[in-house]
């Protein structure tokens, strides 16, 4: 379990935007479409296609308190799931618009 937690944390730390996803999940696909619409660079891992996907999902629950996918991080900050991402697009987060968050994370160019 510790290896999965380290792997999950490394992926979060190393990527401007990290999406933990499942290939068959419509909410995951919608979240990726939203990020694509901003031309954001992101890394997505399809947990159902990873040998240790279940372990990573359990580790994410420990890290974030969220077990469901998509599990989205922008600039190492936990955003949450698809509806959370939609809310950030609509209302921003901490007074910042989604574009600002993506720019600060280095996921889109200025």
C-alpha atoms as a PDB file:
ATOM      1  CA  UNK A   1       0.000   0.000   0.000  1.00  0.00           C
ATOM      2  CA  UNK A   2       2.839   2.369   0.821  1.00  0.00           C
ATOM      3  CA  UNK A   3       4.317   1.913  -2.676  1.00  0.00           C
ATOM      4  CA  UNK A   4       1.006   2.907  -4.247  1.00  0.00           C
ATOM      5  CA  UNK A   5       0.771   5.970  -2.030  1.00  0.00           C
ATOM      6  CA  UNK A   6       4.309   7.019  -2.993  1.00  0.00           C
ATOM      7  CA  UNK A   7       3.500   6.458  -6.669  1.00  0.00           C
ATOM      8  CA  UNK A   8       0.275   8.481  -6.457  1.00  0.00           C
ATOM      9  CA  UNK A   9       2.034  11.324  -4.625  1.00  0.00           C
ATOM     10  CA  UNK A  10       4.898  11.331  -7.146  1.00  0.00           C
ATOM     11  CA  UNK A  11       2.412  11.582 -10.029  1.00  0.00           C
ATOM     12  CA  UNK A  12       0.656  14.477  -8.276  1.00  0.00           C
ATOM     13  CA  UNK A  13       3.975  16.222  -7.577  1.00  0.00           C
ATOM     14  CA  UNK A  14       5.449  15.716 -11.064  1.00  0.00           C
ATOM     15  CA  UNK A  15       2.499  16.847 -13.192  1.00  0.00           C
ATOM     16  CA  UNK A  16       0.953  20.295 -13.605  1.00  0.00           C
ATOM     17  CA  UNK A  17      -2.438  18.623 -13.848  1.00  0.00           C
ATOM     18  CA  UNK A  18      -2.994  15.036 -12.757  1.00  0.00           C
ATOM     19  CA  UNK A  19      -6.184  13.109 -13.472  1.00  0.00           C
ATOM     20  CA  UNK A  20      -6.728   9.704 -11.910  1.00  0.00           C
ATOM     21  CA  UNK A  21      -9.336   8.168 -14.163  1.00  0.00           C
ATOM     22  CA  UNK A  22     -10.976   4.981 -15.415  1.00  0.00           C
ATOM     23  CA  UNK A  23     -11.241   4.489 -19.155  1.00  0.00           C
ATOM     24  CA  UNK A  24     -14.933   3.527 -19.067  1.00  0.00           C
ATOM     25  CA  UNK A  25     -16.042   6.301 -16.687  1.00  0.00           C
ATOM     26  CA  UNK A  26     -18.228   8.975 -18.352  1.00  0.00           C
ATOM     27  CA  UNK A  27     -17.393  11.526 -15.619  1.00  0.00           C
ATOM     28  CA  UNK A  28     -13.679  10.952 -16.170  1.00  0.00           C
ATOM     29  CA  UNK A  29     -14.094  11.391 -19.906  1.00  0.00           C
ATOM     30  CA  UNK A  30     -16.033  14.611 -19.339  1.00  0.00           C
ATOM     31  CA  UNK A  31     -13.329  15.976 -17.023  1.00  0.00           C
ATOM     32  CA  UNK A  32     -10.669  15.223 -19.668  1.00  0.00           C
ATOM     33  CA  UNK A  33     -12.848  16.926 -22.317  1.00  0.00           C
ATOM     34  CA  UNK A  34     -13.044  20.026 -20.101  1.00  0.00           C
ATOM     35  CA  UNK A  35      -9.247  20.099 -19.726  1.00  0.00           C
ATOM     36  CA  UNK A  36      -8.851  19.500 -23.473  1.00  0.00           C
ATOM     37  CA  UNK A  37     -11.125  22.476 -24.155  1.00  0.00           C
ATOM     38  CA  UNK A  38      -8.524  24.684 -22.419  1.00  0.00           C
ATOM     39  CA  UNK A  39      -5.729  22.930 -24.305  1.00  0.00           C
ATOM     40  CA  UNK A  40      -4.293  22.065 -20.891  1.00  0.00           C
ATOM     41  CA  UNK A  41      -1.377  19.679 -20.582  1.00  0.00           C
ATOM     42  CA  UNK A  42      -2.304  16.960 -18.150  1.00  0.00           C
ATOM     43  CA  UNK A  43      -1.406  13.419 -17.277  1.00  0.00           C
ATOM     44  CA  UNK A  44      -4.218  10.923 -16.964  1.00  0.00           C
ATOM     45  CA  UNK A  45      -3.785   7.472 -15.507  1.00  0.00           C
ATOM     46  CA  UNK A  46      -6.528   4.949 -16.228  1.00  0.00           C
ATOM     47  CA  UNK A  47      -6.634   3.039 -12.947  1.00  0.00           C
ATOM     48  CA  UNK A  48      -8.559   0.141 -14.496  1.00  0.00           C
ATOM     49  CA  UNK A  49      -5.598  -0.428 -16.857  1.00  0.00           C
ATOM     50  CA  UNK A  50      -2.893  -0.291 -14.181  1.00  0.00           C
ATOM     51  CA  UNK A  51      -1.750  -3.410 -12.338  1.00  0.00           C
ATOM     52  CA  UNK A  52      -1.762  -1.463  -9.076  1.00  0.00           C
ATOM     53  CA  UNK A  53      -4.827   0.645  -9.955  1.00  0.00           C
ATOM     54  CA  UNK A  54      -6.873  -0.543  -6.970  1.00  0.00           C
ATOM     55  CA  UNK A  55      -3.971   0.174  -4.623  1.00  0.00           C
ATOM     56  CA  UNK A  56      -3.546   3.648  -6.105  1.00  0.00           C
ATOM     57  CA  UNK A  57      -7.265   4.298  -5.691  1.00  0.00           C
ATOM     58  CA  UNK A  58      -7.051   3.245  -2.035  1.00  0.00           C
ATOM     59  CA  UNK A  59      -3.976   5.453  -1.587  1.00  0.00           C
ATOM     60  CA  UNK A  60      -5.845   8.417  -3.087  1.00  0.00           C
ATOM     61  CA  UNK A  61      -8.577   7.920  -0.533  1.00  0.00           C
ATOM     62  CA  UNK A  62      -5.941   8.212   2.191  1.00  0.00           C
ATOM     63  CA  UNK A  63      -4.409  11.303   0.571  1.00  0.00           C
ATOM     64  CA  UNK A  64      -7.630  13.130  -0.324  1.00  0.00           C
ATOM     65  CA  UNK A  65     -10.532  11.440   1.435  1.00  0.00           C
ATOM     66  CA  UNK A  66     -11.985  10.793  -2.032  1.00  0.00           C
ATOM     67  CA  UNK A  67     -12.190   7.293  -3.464  1.00  0.00           C
ATOM     68  CA  UNK A  68     -14.179   8.068  -6.611  1.00  0.00           C
ATOM     69  CA  UNK A  69     -12.767   8.948 -10.022  1.00  0.00           C
ATOM     70  CA  UNK A  70     -11.962  11.218 -11.614  1.00  0.00           C
ATOM     71  CA  UNK A  71      -9.671  12.464  -8.906  1.00  0.00           C
ATOM     72  CA  UNK A  72      -8.161  15.707 -10.193  1.00  0.00           C
ATOM     73  CA  UNK A  73      -5.205  17.816  -9.058  1.00  0.00           C
ATOM     74  CA  UNK A  74      -4.156  21.168 -10.548  1.00  0.00           C
ATOM     75  CA  UNK A  75      -0.777  22.483  -9.442  1.00  0.00           C
ATOM     76  CA  UNK A  76      -0.614  19.783  -6.733  1.00  0.00           C
ATOM     77  CA  UNK A  77      -3.886  21.089  -5.256  1.00  0.00           C
ATOM     78  CA  UNK A  78      -6.720  18.602  -4.951  1.00  0.00           C
ATOM     79  CA  UNK A  79      -9.685  19.825  -7.001  1.00  0.00           C
ATOM     80  CA  UNK A  80     -11.899  16.772  -6.543  1.00  0.00           C
ATOM     81  CA  UNK A  81     -14.056  15.041  -9.117  1.00  0.00           C
ATOM     82  CA  UNK A  82     -15.855  15.997 -12.308  1.00  0.00           C
ATOM     83  CA  UNK A  83     -18.573  18.105 -10.639  1.00  0.00           C
ATOM     84  CA  UNK A  84     -15.876  19.860  -8.597  1.00  0.00           C
ATOM     85  CA  UNK A  85     -13.962  20.659 -11.800  1.00  0.00           C
ATOM     86  CA  UNK A  86     -17.173  21.949 -13.402  1.00  0.00           C
ATOM     87  CA  UNK A  87     -17.717  24.169 -10.346  1.00  0.00           C
ATOM     88  CA  UNK A  88     -14.170  25.563 -10.654  1.00  0.00           C
ATOM     89  CA  UNK A  89     -14.799  26.292 -14.348  1.00  0.00           C
ATOM     90  CA  UNK A  90     -18.040  28.066 -13.448  1.00  0.00           C
ATOM     91  CA  UNK A  91     -17.070  29.843 -10.214  1.00  0.00           C
ATOM     92  CA  UNK A  92     -13.291  29.627  -9.888  1.00  0.00           C
ATOM     93  CA  UNK A  93     -11.445  28.449  -6.789  1.00  0.00           C
ATOM     94  CA  UNK A  94     -10.049  30.720  -4.081  1.00  0.00           C
ATOM     95  CA  UNK A  95     -10.904  33.714  -6.245  1.00  0.00           C
ATOM     96  CA  UNK A  96      -9.034  32.400  -9.270  1.00  0.00           C
ATOM     97  CA  UNK A  97     -10.519  31.379 -12.600  1.00  0.00           C
ATOM     98  CA  UNK A  98      -9.712  27.974 -14.071  1.00  0.00           C
ATOM     99  CA  UNK A  99      -7.409  29.617 -16.637  1.00  0.00           C
ATOM    100  CA  UNK A 100      -5.372  31.249 -13.859  1.00  0.00           C
ATOM    101  CA  UNK A 101      -5.056  27.951 -11.993  1.00  0.00           C
ATOM    102  CA  UNK A 102      -3.955  26.151 -15.163  1.00  0.00           C
ATOM    103  CA  UNK A 103      -1.439  28.925 -16.022  1.00  0.00           C
ATOM    104  CA  UNK A 104       0.034  28.946 -12.531  1.00  0.00           C
ATOM    105  CA  UNK A 105       0.408  25.182 -12.673  1.00  0.00           C
ATOM    106  CA  UNK A 106       2.166  25.468 -16.025  1.00  0.00           C
ATOM    107  CA  UNK A 107      -0.519  23.471 -17.815  1.00  0.00           C
ATOM    108  CA  UNK A 108      -1.300  26.214 -20.321  1.00  0.00           C
ATOM    109  CA  UNK A 109       0.912  28.969 -21.662  1.00  0.00           C
ATOM    110  CA  UNK A 110       0.272  32.564 -20.708  1.00  0.00           C
END
